[in-house]
PDB file of N, CA and C in Angstrom:
ATOM      1  N   MET A   1      65.065 124.956 117.232  1.00  0.00           N
ATOM      2  CA  MET A   1      65.230 123.908 116.227  1.00  0.00           C
ATOM      3  C   MET A   1      66.276 124.210 115.206  1.00  0.00           C
ATOM      4  N   LYS A   2      66.318 125.256 114.735  1.00  0.00           N
ATOM      5  CA  LYS A   2      67.405 125.491 113.799  1.00  0.00           C
ATOM      6  C   LYS A   2      68.775 125.105 114.143  1.00  0.00           C
ATOM      7  N   LEU A   3      69.056 125.499 115.492  1.00  0.00           N
ATOM      8  CA  LEU A   3      70.413 125.186 116.124  1.00  0.00           C
ATOM      9  C   LEU A   3      70.698 123.619 116.223  1.00  0.00           C
ATOM     10  N   ILE A   4      69.601 123.007 116.489  1.00  0.00           N
ATOM     11  CA  ILE A   4      69.730 121.440 116.673  1.00  0.00           C
ATOM     12  C   ILE A   4      70.078 120.956 115.114  1.00  0.00           C
ATOM     13  N   LYS A   5      69.420 121.462 114.203  1.00  0.00           N
ATOM     14  CA  LYS A   5      69.693 121.052 112.797  1.00  0.00           C
ATOM     15  C   LYS A   5      71.189 121.418 112.511  1.00  0.00           C
ATOM     16  N   PHE A   6      71.680 122.533 112.773  1.00  0.00           N
ATOM     17  CA  PHE A   6      72.990 122.833 112.411  1.00  0.00           C
ATOM     18  C   PHE A   6      73.967 121.908 113.187  1.00  0.00           C
ATOM     19  N   ILE A   7      73.812 121.840 114.392  1.00  0.00           N
ATOM     20  CA  ILE A   7      74.658 120.920 115.192  1.00  0.00           C
ATOM     21  C   ILE A   7      74.600 119.468 114.552  1.00  0.00           C
ATOM     22  N   GLY A   8      73.330 119.033 114.286  1.00  0.00           N
ATOM     23  CA  GLY A   8      73.186 117.622 113.535  1.00  0.00           C
ATOM     24  C   GLY A   8      74.082 117.600 112.249  1.00  0.00           C
ATOM     25  N   THR A   9      73.996 118.593 111.302  1.00  0.00           N
ATOM     26  CA  THR A   9      74.505 118.557 110.169  1.00  0.00           C
ATOM     27  C   THR A   9      76.078 118.582 110.256  1.00  0.00           C
ATOM     28  N   ALA A  10      76.595 119.406 111.318  1.00  0.00           N
ATOM     29  CA  ALA A  10      78.088 119.550 111.622  1.00  0.00           C
ATOM     30  C   ALA A  10      78.523 118.125 112.114  1.00  0.00           C
ATOM     31  N   GLY A  11      77.678 117.543 113.007  1.00  0.00           N
ATOM     32  CA  GLY A  11      78.048 116.193 113.457  1.00  0.00           C
ATOM     33  C   GLY A  11      78.209 115.139 112.438  1.00  0.00           C
ATOM     34  N   ILE A  12      77.262 115.223 111.505  1.00  0.00           N
ATOM     35  CA  ILE A  12      77.398 114.237 110.345  1.00  0.00           C
ATOM     36  C   ILE A  12      78.710 114.405 109.548  1.00  0.00           C
ATOM     37  N   GLY A  13      78.912 115.797 109.292  1.00  0.00           N
ATOM     38  CA  GLY A  13      80.137 116.065 108.527  1.00  0.00           C
ATOM     39  C   GLY A  13      81.426 115.487 109.218  1.00  0.00           C
ATOM     40  N   VAL A  14      81.497 115.667 110.574  1.00  0.00           N
ATOM     41  CA  VAL A  14      82.638 115.058 111.489  1.00  0.00           C
ATOM     42  C   VAL A  14      82.791 113.507 111.238  1.00  0.00           C
ATOM     43  N   LEU A  15      81.730 112.894 111.312  1.00  0.00           N
ATOM     44  CA  LEU A  15      81.518 111.479 111.278  1.00  0.00           C
ATOM     45  C   LEU A  15      82.074 111.010 109.792  1.00  0.00           C
ATOM     46  N   ILE A  16      81.543 111.760 108.752  1.00  0.00           N
ATOM     47  CA  ILE A  16      81.878 111.329 107.351  1.00  0.00           C
ATOM     48  C   ILE A  16      83.353 111.516 107.178  1.00  0.00           C
ATOM     49  N   SER A  17      84.039 112.598 107.769  1.00  0.00           N
ATOM     50  CA  SER A  17      85.584 112.946 107.522  1.00  0.00           C
ATOM     51  C   SER A  17      86.242 111.895 108.436  1.00  0.00           C
ATOM     52  N   ALA A  18      85.756 111.336 109.513  1.00  0.00           N
ATOM     53  CA  ALA A  18      86.418 110.505 110.266  1.00  0.00           C
ATOM     54  C   ALA A  18      86.460 109.005 109.494  1.00  0.00           C
ATOM     55  N   THR A  19      85.203 108.798 108.883  1.00  0.00           N
ATOM     56  CA  THR A  19      85.019 107.532 108.118  1.00  0.00           C
ATOM     57  C   THR A  19      86.104 107.554 107.068  1.00  0.00           C
ATOM     58  N   ILE A  20      86.170 108.658 106.263  1.00  0.00           N
ATOM     59  CA  ILE A  20      87.191 108.718 105.070  1.00  0.00           C
ATOM     60  C   ILE A  20      88.590 108.458 105.565  1.00  0.00           C
ATOM     61  N   ALA A  21      88.802 109.135 106.551  1.00  0.00           N
ATOM     62  CA  ALA A  21      90.261 108.994 107.272  1.00  0.00           C
ATOM     63  C   ALA A  21      90.687 107.625 107.481  1.00  0.00           C
ATOM     64  N   LEU A  22      89.700 107.003 108.192  1.00  0.00           N
ATOM     65  CA  LEU A  22      89.907 105.542 108.539  1.00  0.00           C
ATOM     66  C   LEU A  22      89.892 104.672 107.303  1.00  0.00           C
ATOM     67  N   ALA A  23      89.326 104.947 106.161  1.00  0.00           N
ATOM     68  CA  ALA A  23      89.425 104.128 104.943  1.00  0.00           C
ATOM     69  C   ALA A  23      90.749 104.267 104.214  1.00  0.00           C
ATOM     70  N   GLU A  24      91.519 105.087 104.564  1.00  0.00           N
ATOM     71  CA  GLU A  24      92.850 105.231 103.811  1.00  0.00           C
ATOM     72  C   GLU A  24      93.612 103.974 104.080  1.00  0.00           C
ATOM     73  N   PRO A  25      94.334 103.380 103.063  1.00  0.00           N
ATOM     74  CA  PRO A  25      95.000 102.224 103.347  1.00  0.00           C
ATOM     75  C   PRO A  25      96.196 102.380 104.248  1.00  0.00           C
ATOM     76  N   VAL A  26      96.560 101.318 104.804  1.00  0.00           N
ATOM     77  CA  VAL A  26      97.693 101.426 105.733  1.00  0.00           C
ATOM     78  C   VAL A  26      99.015 100.760 105.179  1.00  0.00           C
ATOM     79  N   PHE A  27     100.102 101.426 105.235  1.00  0.00           N
ATOM     80  CA  PHE A  27     101.358 100.952 104.911  1.00  0.00           C
ATOM     81  C   PHE A  27     101.925  99.878 105.807  1.00  0.00           C
ATOM     82  N   THR A  28     102.438  98.817 105.251  1.00  0.00           N
ATOM     83  CA  THR A  28     102.989  97.742 106.157  1.00  0.00           C
ATOM     84  C   THR A  28     104.424  97.600 105.906  1.00  0.00           C
ATOM     85  N   LYS A  29     105.161  97.481 106.904  1.00  0.00           N
ATOM     86  CA  LYS A  29     106.687  97.276 106.777  1.00  0.00           C
ATOM     87  C   LYS A  29     106.980  95.639 106.375  1.00  0.00           C
ATOM     88  N   GLY A  30     107.999  95.516 105.634  1.00  0.00           N
ATOM     89  CA  GLY A  30     108.441  94.330 105.254  1.00  0.00           C
ATOM     90  C   GLY A  30     109.870  94.193 104.750  1.00  0.00           C
ATOM     91  N   VAL A  31     110.265  93.166 104.482  1.00  0.00           N
ATOM     92  CA  VAL A  31     111.568  92.775 103.884  1.00  0.00           C
ATOM     93  C   VAL A  31     111.384  91.899 102.671  1.00  0.00           C
ATOM     94  N   VAL A  32     111.984  92.443 101.533  1.00  0.00           N
ATOM     95  CA  VAL A  32     111.913  91.583 100.432  1.00  0.00           C
ATOM     96  C   VAL A  32     112.719  90.199 100.554  1.00  0.00           C
ATOM     97  N   LYS A  33     112.206  89.111 100.334  1.00  0.00           N
ATOM     98  CA  LYS A  33     112.976  87.929 100.201  1.00  0.00           C
ATOM     99  C   LYS A  33     113.360  87.442  98.974  1.00  0.00           C
ATOM    100  N   LYS A  34     112.388  87.468  98.031  1.00  0.00           N
ATOM    101  CA  LYS A  34     112.613  86.869  96.762  1.00  0.00           C
ATOM    102  C   LYS A  34     111.894  87.785  95.574  1.00  0.00           C
ATOM    103  N   VAL A  35     112.428  88.064  94.546  1.00  0.00           N
ATOM    104  CA  VAL A  35     111.871  88.879  93.370  1.00  0.00           C
ATOM    105  C   VAL A  35     111.935  88.032  92.204  1.00  0.00           C
ATOM    106  N   LYS A  36     110.630  87.867  91.604  1.00  0.00           N
ATOM    107  CA  LYS A  36     110.523  87.212  90.341  1.00  0.00           C
ATOM    108  C   LYS A  36     109.799  87.908  89.257  1.00  0.00           C
ATOM    109  N   PRO A  37     110.456  88.948  88.729  1.00  0.00           N
ATOM    110  CA  PRO A  37     109.742  89.882  87.844  1.00  0.00           C
ATOM    111  C   PRO A  37     109.158  89.038  86.552  1.00  0.00           C
ATOM    112  N   GLU A  38     109.844  88.076  86.180  1.00  0.00           N
ATOM    113  CA  GLU A  38     109.116  87.283  84.946  1.00  0.00           C
ATOM    114  C   GLU A  38     107.910  86.649  85.288  1.00  0.00           C
ATOM    115  N   ASP A  39     107.522  86.407  86.508  1.00  0.00           N
ATOM    116  CA  ASP A  39     106.240  85.909  86.952  1.00  0.00           C
ATOM    117  C   ASP A  39     105.452  87.041  87.526  1.00  0.00           C
ATOM    118  N   GLY A  40     105.890  88.242  87.652  1.00  0.00           N
ATOM    119  CA  GLY A  40     105.003  89.397  88.183  1.00  0.00           C
ATOM    120  C   GLY A  40     104.752  89.239  89.698  1.00  0.00           C
ATOM    121  N   LYS A  41     105.826  88.607  90.474  1.00  0.00           N
ATOM    122  CA  LYS A  41     105.667  88.334  91.856  1.00  0.00           C
ATOM    123  C   LYS A  41     106.822  88.725  92.714  1.00  0.00           C
ATOM    124  N   VAL A  42     106.613  88.916  93.985  1.00  0.00           N
ATOM    125  CA  VAL A  42     107.608  89.166  94.972  1.00  0.00           C
ATOM    126  C   VAL A  42     107.204  88.440  96.331  1.00  0.00           C
ATOM    127  N   THR A  43     108.268  87.927  97.020  1.00  0.00           N
ATOM    128  CA  THR A  43     107.875  87.411  98.230  1.00  0.00           C
ATOM    129  C   THR A  43     108.418  88.272  99.378  1.00  0.00           C
ATOM    130  N   ILE A  44     107.480  88.535 100.343  1.00  0.00           N
ATOM    131  CA  ILE A  44     107.968  89.541 101.331  1.00  0.00           C
ATOM    132  C   ILE A  44     107.623  88.962 102.732  1.00  0.00           C
ATOM    133  N   ILE A  45     108.606  89.135 103.650  1.00  0.00           N
ATOM    134  CA  ILE A  45     108.405  88.826 105.050  1.00  0.00           C
ATOM    135  C   ILE A  45     107.812  90.063 105.642  1.00  0.00           C
ATOM    136  N   HIS A  46     106.539  90.009 106.087  1.00  0.00           N
ATOM    137  CA  HIS A  46     106.058  91.317 106.424  1.00  0.00           C
ATOM    138  C   HIS A  46     105.249  91.334 107.842  1.00  0.00           C
ATOM    139  N   GLU A  47     105.058  92.441 108.416  1.00  0.00           N
ATOM    140  CA  GLU A  47     104.269  92.608 109.521  1.00  0.00           C
ATOM    141  C   GLU A  47     102.796  92.414 109.442  1.00  0.00           C
ATOM    142  N   GLU A  48     102.031  92.637 110.345  1.00  0.00           N
ATOM    143  CA  GLU A  48     100.561  92.332 110.229  1.00  0.00           C
ATOM    144  C   GLU A  48     100.047  93.357 109.042  1.00  0.00           C
ATOM    145  N   LEU A  49      99.231  92.605 108.304  1.00  0.00           N
ATOM    146  CA  LEU A  49      98.555  93.371 107.216  1.00  0.00           C
ATOM    147  C   LEU A  49      97.166  93.757 107.797  1.00  0.00           C
ATOM    148  N   VAL A  50      97.075  94.872 108.297  1.00  0.00           N
ATOM    149  CA  VAL A  50      95.842  95.462 109.137  1.00  0.00           C
ATOM    150  C   VAL A  50      94.668  95.563 108.250  1.00  0.00           C
ATOM    151  N   ASP A  51      94.874  95.972 106.922  1.00  0.00           N
ATOM    152  CA  ASP A  51      93.666  96.263 106.218  1.00  0.00           C
ATOM    153  C   ASP A  51      92.984  94.848 105.708  1.00  0.00           C
ATOM    154  N   LEU A  52      93.883  93.764 105.600  1.00  0.00           N
ATOM    155  CA  LEU A  52      93.506  92.634 105.198  1.00  0.00           C
ATOM    156  C   LEU A  52      93.228  91.429 106.315  1.00  0.00           C
ATOM    157  N   GLU A  53      93.605  92.067 107.550  1.00  0.00           N
ATOM    158  CA  GLU A  53      93.235  91.261 108.737  1.00  0.00           C
ATOM    159  C   GLU A  53      94.097  89.894 108.672  1.00  0.00           C
ATOM    160  N   MET A  54      95.493  90.106 108.377  1.00  0.00           N
ATOM    161  CA  MET A  54      96.257  88.946 108.135  1.00  0.00           C
ATOM    162  C   MET A  54      97.474  89.093 109.229  1.00  0.00           C
ATOM    163  N   PRO A  55      97.854  87.949 109.933  1.00  0.00           N
ATOM    164  CA  PRO A  55      99.044  88.281 110.657  1.00  0.00           C
ATOM    165  C   PRO A  55     100.364  88.301 110.003  1.00  0.00           C
ATOM    166  N   ALA A  56     101.406  88.645 110.828  1.00  0.00           N
ATOM    167  CA  ALA A  56     102.755  88.852 110.098  1.00  0.00           C
ATOM    168  C   ALA A  56     103.138  87.340 109.731  1.00  0.00           C
ATOM    169  N   MET A  57     103.801  87.323 108.557  1.00  0.00           N
ATOM    170  CA  MET A  57     104.113  86.196 107.906  1.00  0.00           C
ATOM    171  C   MET A  57     104.885  86.317 106.704  1.00  0.00           C
ATOM    172  N   THR A  58     105.389  85.409 105.906  1.00  0.00           N
ATOM    173  CA  THR A  58     106.099  85.473 104.704  1.00  0.00           C
ATOM    174  C   THR A  58     105.115  85.037 103.702  1.00  0.00           C
ATOM    175  N   MET A  59     104.926  85.739 102.588  1.00  0.00           N
ATOM    176  CA  MET A  59     103.977  85.634 101.536  1.00  0.00           C
ATOM    177  C   MET A  59     104.455  86.024 100.110  1.00  0.00           C
ATOM    178  N   VAL A  60     103.839  85.407  99.220  1.00  0.00           N
ATOM    179  CA  VAL A  60     104.101  85.841  97.932  1.00  0.00           C
ATOM    180  C   VAL A  60     102.959  86.732  97.339  1.00  0.00           C
ATOM    181  N   PHE A  61     103.352  87.938  96.795  1.00  0.00           N
ATOM    182  CA  PHE A  61     102.368  88.814  96.154  1.00  0.00           C
ATOM    183  C   PHE A  61     102.533  89.063  94.792  1.00  0.00           C
ATOM    184  N   ARG A  62     101.585  89.392  94.144  1.00  0.00           N
ATOM    185  CA  ARG A  62     101.624  89.885  92.804  1.00  0.00           C
ATOM    186  C   ARG A  62     102.127  91.359  92.896  1.00  0.00           C
ATOM    187  N   VAL A  63     102.598  92.083  91.888  1.00  0.00           N
ATOM    188  CA  VAL A  63     103.015  93.405  91.759  1.00  0.00           C
ATOM    189  C   VAL A  63     102.148  94.113  90.686  1.00  0.00           C
ATOM    190  N   ALA A  64     101.431  95.252  91.184  1.00  0.00           N
ATOM    191  CA  ALA A  64     100.501  95.935  90.458  1.00  0.00           C
ATOM    192  C   ALA A  64     101.192  96.611  89.192  1.00  0.00           C
ATOM    193  N   ASP A  65     102.403  96.953  89.278  1.00  0.00           N
ATOM    194  CA  ASP A  65     103.076  97.654  88.107  1.00  0.00           C
ATOM    195  C   ASP A  65     104.510  97.157  88.087  1.00  0.00           C
ATOM    196  N   ASP A  66     104.942  96.804  86.928  1.00  0.00           N
ATOM    197  CA  ASP A  66     106.157  96.222  86.709  1.00  0.00           C
ATOM    198  C   ASP A  66     107.350  97.212  87.108  1.00  0.00           C
ATOM    199  N   ALA A  67     106.929  98.452  86.976  1.00  0.00           N
ATOM    200  CA  ALA A  67     108.041  99.391  87.478  1.00  0.00           C
ATOM    201  C   ALA A  67     108.438  99.269  88.858  1.00  0.00           C
ATOM    202  N   MET A  68     107.625  98.715  89.708  1.00  0.00           N
ATOM    203  CA  MET A  68     107.949  98.616  91.137  1.00  0.00           C
ATOM    204  C   MET A  68     109.214  97.620  91.241  1.00  0.00           C
ATOM    205  N   PHE A  69     109.444  96.851  90.336  1.00  0.00           N
ATOM    206  CA  PHE A  69     110.553  95.863  90.436  1.00  0.00           C
ATOM    207  C   PHE A  69     111.793  96.543  90.560  1.00  0.00           C
ATOM    208  N   GLU A  70     111.992  97.826  90.045  1.00  0.00           N
ATOM    209  CA  GLU A  70     113.176  98.583  90.038  1.00  0.00           C
ATOM    210  C   GLU A  70     113.415  98.878  91.676  1.00  0.00           C
ATOM    211  N   GLN A  71     112.502  98.852  92.508  1.00  0.00           N
ATOM    212  CA  GLN A  71     112.590  99.096  94.039  1.00  0.00           C
ATOM    213  C   GLN A  71     112.689  97.869  94.815  1.00  0.00           C
ATOM    214  N   LEU A  72     112.463  96.791  94.258  1.00  0.00           N
ATOM    215  CA  LEU A  72     112.505  95.651  95.096  1.00  0.00           C
ATOM    216  C   LEU A  72     113.780  94.649  94.707  1.00  0.00           C
ATOM    217  N   GLU A  73     114.545  94.613  95.785  1.00  0.00           N
ATOM    218  CA  GLU A  73     115.784  93.704  95.822  1.00  0.00           C
ATOM    219  C   GLU A  73     115.735  92.944  97.114  1.00  0.00           C
ATOM    220  N   PRO A  74     116.130  91.673  96.916  1.00  0.00           N
ATOM    221  CA  PRO A  74     116.233  90.826  98.069  1.00  0.00           C
ATOM    222  C   PRO A  74     117.059  91.548  99.171  1.00  0.00           C
ATOM    223  N   GLY A  75     116.321  91.475 100.430  1.00  0.00           N
ATOM    224  CA  GLY A  75     117.134  92.132 101.581  1.00  0.00           C
ATOM    225  C   GLY A  75     116.689  93.566 101.983  1.00  0.00           C
ATOM    226  N   SER A  76     116.096  94.173 100.898  1.00  0.00           N
ATOM    227  CA  SER A  76     115.651  95.495 101.166  1.00  0.00           C
ATOM    228  C   SER A  76     114.512  95.702 101.931  1.00  0.00           C
ATOM    229  N   GLU A  77     114.488  96.606 102.970  1.00  0.00           N
ATOM    230  CA  GLU A  77     113.350  97.051 103.845  1.00  0.00           C
ATOM    231  C   GLU A  77     112.465  97.970 102.968  1.00  0.00           C
ATOM    232  N   ILE A  78     111.120  97.636 102.901  1.00  0.00           N
ATOM    233  CA  ILE A  78     110.110  98.414 102.217  1.00  0.00           C
ATOM    234  C   ILE A  78     108.840  98.713 103.021  1.00  0.00           C
ATOM    235  N   GLU A  79     108.042  99.547 102.674  1.00  0.00           N
ATOM    236  CA  GLU A  79     106.726  99.854 103.237  1.00  0.00           C
ATOM    237  C   GLU A  79     105.886  99.711 102.034  1.00  0.00           C
ATOM    238  N   PHE A  80     104.672  99.037 102.198  1.00  0.00           N
ATOM    239  CA  PHE A  80     103.917  98.754 101.000  1.00  0.00           C
ATOM    240  C   PHE A  80     102.376  98.675 101.439  1.00  0.00           C
ATOM    241  N   ILE A  81     101.588  98.809 100.343  1.00  0.00           N
ATOM    242  CA  ILE A  81     100.093  98.596 100.720  1.00  0.00           C
ATOM    243  C   ILE A  81      99.771  97.448  99.882  1.00  0.00           C
ATOM    244  N   ALA A  82      99.146  96.458 100.396  1.00  0.00           N
ATOM    245  CA  ALA A  82      98.721  95.106  99.681  1.00  0.00           C
ATOM    246  C   ALA A  82      97.082  95.362  99.556  1.00  0.00           C
ATOM    247  N   GLU A  83      96.616  95.023  98.481  1.00  0.00           N
ATOM    248  CA  GLU A  83      95.092  94.816  98.258  1.00  0.00           C
ATOM    249  C   GLU A  83      94.798  93.554  97.476  1.00  0.00           C
ATOM    250  N   ARG A  84      93.467  93.247  97.635  1.00  0.00           N
ATOM    251  CA  ARG A  84      93.070  92.032  96.826  1.00  0.00           C
ATOM    252  C   ARG A  84      92.655  92.678  95.403  1.00  0.00           C
ATOM    253  N   VAL A  85      93.288  92.184  94.377  1.00  0.00           N
ATOM    254  CA  VAL A  85      92.946  92.800  92.964  1.00  0.00           C
ATOM    255  C   VAL A  85      92.682  91.472  92.333  1.00  0.00           C
ATOM    256  N   LYS A  86      91.401  91.409  91.892  1.00  0.00           N
ATOM    257  CA  LYS A  86      90.833  90.378  91.152  1.00  0.00           C
ATOM    258  C   LYS A  86      91.030  89.001  91.788  1.00  0.00           C
ATOM    259  N   GLY A  87      90.915  89.016  93.286  1.00  0.00           N
ATOM    260  CA  GLY A  87      91.044  87.901  94.124  1.00  0.00           C
ATOM    261  C   GLY A  87      92.535  87.555  94.478  1.00  0.00           C
ATOM    262  N   LYS A  88      93.464  88.288  93.945  1.00  0.00           N
ATOM    263  CA  LYS A  88      94.855  88.059  94.057  1.00  0.00           C
ATOM    264  C   LYS A  88      95.476  89.143  95.020  1.00  0.00           C
ATOM    265  N   LEU A  89      96.318  88.625  96.060  1.00  0.00           N
ATOM    266  CA  LEU A  89      96.981  89.665  96.823  1.00  0.00           C
ATOM    267  C   LEU A  89      98.098  90.198  96.077  1.00  0.00           C
ATOM    268  N   THR A  90      97.981  91.671  96.051  1.00  0.00           N
ATOM    269  CA  THR A  90      98.806  92.547  95.136  1.00  0.00           C
ATOM    270  C   THR A  90      99.330  93.653  95.798  1.00  0.00           C
ATOM    271  N   VAL A  91     100.784  93.837  95.587  1.00  0.00           N
ATOM    272  CA  VAL A  91     101.337  95.142  96.126  1.00  0.00           C
ATOM    273  C   VAL A  91     100.870  96.240  95.130  1.00  0.00           C
ATOM    274  N   THR A  92     100.186  97.167  95.637  1.00  0.00           N
ATOM    275  CA  THR A  92      99.751  98.389  94.933  1.00  0.00           C
ATOM    276  C   THR A  92     100.417  99.662  95.075  1.00  0.00           C
ATOM    277  N   GLU A  93     101.117  99.769  96.280  1.00  0.00           N
ATOM    278  CA  GLU A  93     101.959 101.003  96.404  1.00  0.00           C
ATOM    279  C   GLU A  93     103.255 100.625  97.174  1.00  0.00           C
ATOM    280  N   LEU A  94     104.290 101.383  96.956  1.00  0.00           N
ATOM    281  CA  LEU A  94     105.572 101.256  97.599  1.00  0.00           C
ATOM    282  C   LEU A  94     105.979 102.596  98.140  1.00  0.00           C
ATOM    283  N   LYS A  95     106.647 102.740  99.280  1.00  0.00           N
ATOM    284  CA  LYS A  95     107.324 103.771  99.823  1.00  0.00           C
ATOM    285  C   LYS A  95     108.808 103.640  99.622  1.00  0.00           C
TER     286      LYS A  95
END
């Protein structure tokens, strides 16, 4: 019985680790089309947003941190994470 408990506990640990790994946000590739720092927005032509279950398209996003605008120029290729922040699609991380 103790052996079965040990295997069961180890199996749960593996499942929890796998779940945590799957929960990490996925970076999406895109090309910056337009930048509007005065509005806190950027337009990106992007691949599928896996975490948000959205197909590839061109969209306007809010930017979580104004310092990100230093990395955003029209025509630049980026990798980013987009999340819903207070109901608004927002770029929260850039590579």
